[in-house]
Amino acid sequence: MSYEKVAQAKQIIVGTKQTVRALKDGKVHELVIAEDADKAIIDKVLEAANVANVPVYKVDSMKKLGKACKIDVGAAAVAIIR
């Protein structure tokens, strides 16, 4: 479900640093996190999402999430922009 949501989104931000910045700026509508990503990295994104009161969806694979973003590497976090 969330892979399709990411693939169909008009505007996304890929990567943890950029996602945290967008969350702090209030630009994020929804957040998608890969469960197989490094916990230390994901915790920062989840904390920012919690503060911004943004819904978080989890998917099982960084590789599949990256593919849904049309990139050749895995993605730990993807923000769907408003």
Protein backbone atom coordinates (compact mmCIF):
# COMPACT_ATOMS: atom_id res chain seq x y z
CA MET A 1 0.00 0.00 0.00
CA SER A 2 2.57 2.61 1.05
CA TYR A 3 4.93 1.67 -1.81
CA GLU A 4 2.14 2.58 -4.26
CA LYS A 5 1.40 5.77 -2.32
CA VAL A 6 5.05 6.80 -2.68
CA ALA A 7 5.19 5.84 -6.36
CA GLN A 8 2.04 7.86 -7.12
CA ALA A 9 2.94 10.93 -5.04
CA LYS A 10 3.45 14.11 -7.03
CA GLN A 11 6.24 15.38 -4.80
CA ILE A 12 8.49 13.45 -2.40
CA ILE A 13 11.66 13.99 -0.42
CA VAL A 14 14.03 11.04 -0.11
CA GLY A 15 16.58 10.68 2.67
CA THR A 16 16.64 11.26 6.38
CA LYS A 17 18.37 14.66 6.56
CA GLN A 18 16.14 16.26 3.96
CA THR A 19 13.05 14.63 5.49
CA VAL A 20 13.83 15.96 8.99
CA ARG A 21 14.33 19.45 7.52
CA ALA A 22 10.99 19.26 5.65
CA LEU A 23 9.22 18.02 8.80
CA LYS A 24 10.57 20.98 10.79
CA ASP A 25 9.44 23.34 8.01
CA GLY A 26 5.90 21.87 8.10
CA LYS A 27 5.97 20.70 4.47
CA VAL A 28 5.32 16.97 5.03
CA HIS A 29 1.86 15.42 4.60
CA GLU A 30 2.84 11.80 5.31
CA LEU A 31 6.02 9.92 6.16
CA VAL A 32 7.07 6.44 5.02
CA ILE A 33 9.80 4.60 6.95
CA ALA A 34 11.58 1.34 6.05
CA GLU A 35 11.62 -1.08 8.99
CA ASP A 36 14.98 -2.56 7.95
CA ALA A 37 16.72 0.84 8.19
CA ASP A 38 19.21 1.62 10.96
CA LYS A 39 17.28 2.41 14.15
CA ALA A 40 19.56 5.30 15.17
CA ILE A 41 18.87 7.06 11.88
CA ILE A 42 15.14 6.41 11.86
CA ASP A 43 14.66 7.56 15.47
CA LYS A 44 15.59 11.14 14.51
CA VAL A 45 13.03 11.15 11.71
CA LEU A 46 10.33 9.60 13.88
CA GLU A 47 10.94 12.17 16.61
CA ALA A 48 10.59 15.03 14.11
CA ALA A 49 7.42 13.45 12.71
CA ASN A 50 5.97 13.14 16.21
CA VAL A 51 6.67 16.81 16.94
CA ALA A 52 5.14 17.82 13.58
CA ASN A 53 2.13 15.51 14.18
CA VAL A 54 2.61 13.80 10.80
CA PRO A 55 1.23 10.28 10.18
CA VAL A 56 3.94 7.62 9.79
CA TYR A 57 3.59 4.50 7.66
CA LYS A 58 6.05 1.61 7.77
CA VAL A 59 7.18 -0.63 4.95
CA ASP A 60 9.39 -3.69 5.22
CA SER A 61 12.20 -2.92 2.77
CA MET A 62 14.57 -0.01 2.09
CA LYS A 63 15.32 -1.52 -1.32
CA LYS A 64 11.65 -1.63 -2.35
CA LEU A 65 11.08 1.87 -0.98
CA GLY A 66 13.99 3.16 -3.05
CA LYS A 67 12.56 1.43 -6.10
CA ALA A 68 9.18 3.11 -5.48
CA CYS A 69 11.06 6.44 -5.45
CA LYS A 70 12.67 5.53 -8.77
CA ILE A 71 16.20 5.51 -7.34
CA ASP A 72 18.80 2.75 -7.60
CA VAL A 73 19.61 2.59 -3.86
CA GLY A 74 17.56 1.87 -0.77
CA ALA A 75 15.66 4.62 1.03
CA ALA A 76 15.25 4.70 4.81
CA ALA A 77 12.71 7.53 4.85
CA VAL A 78 10.48 9.22 2.31
CA ALA A 79 8.37 12.28 2.95
CA ILE A 80 5.26 12.90 0.87
CA ILE A 81 4.91 16.65 0.48
CA ARG A 82 1.66 18.57 0.86
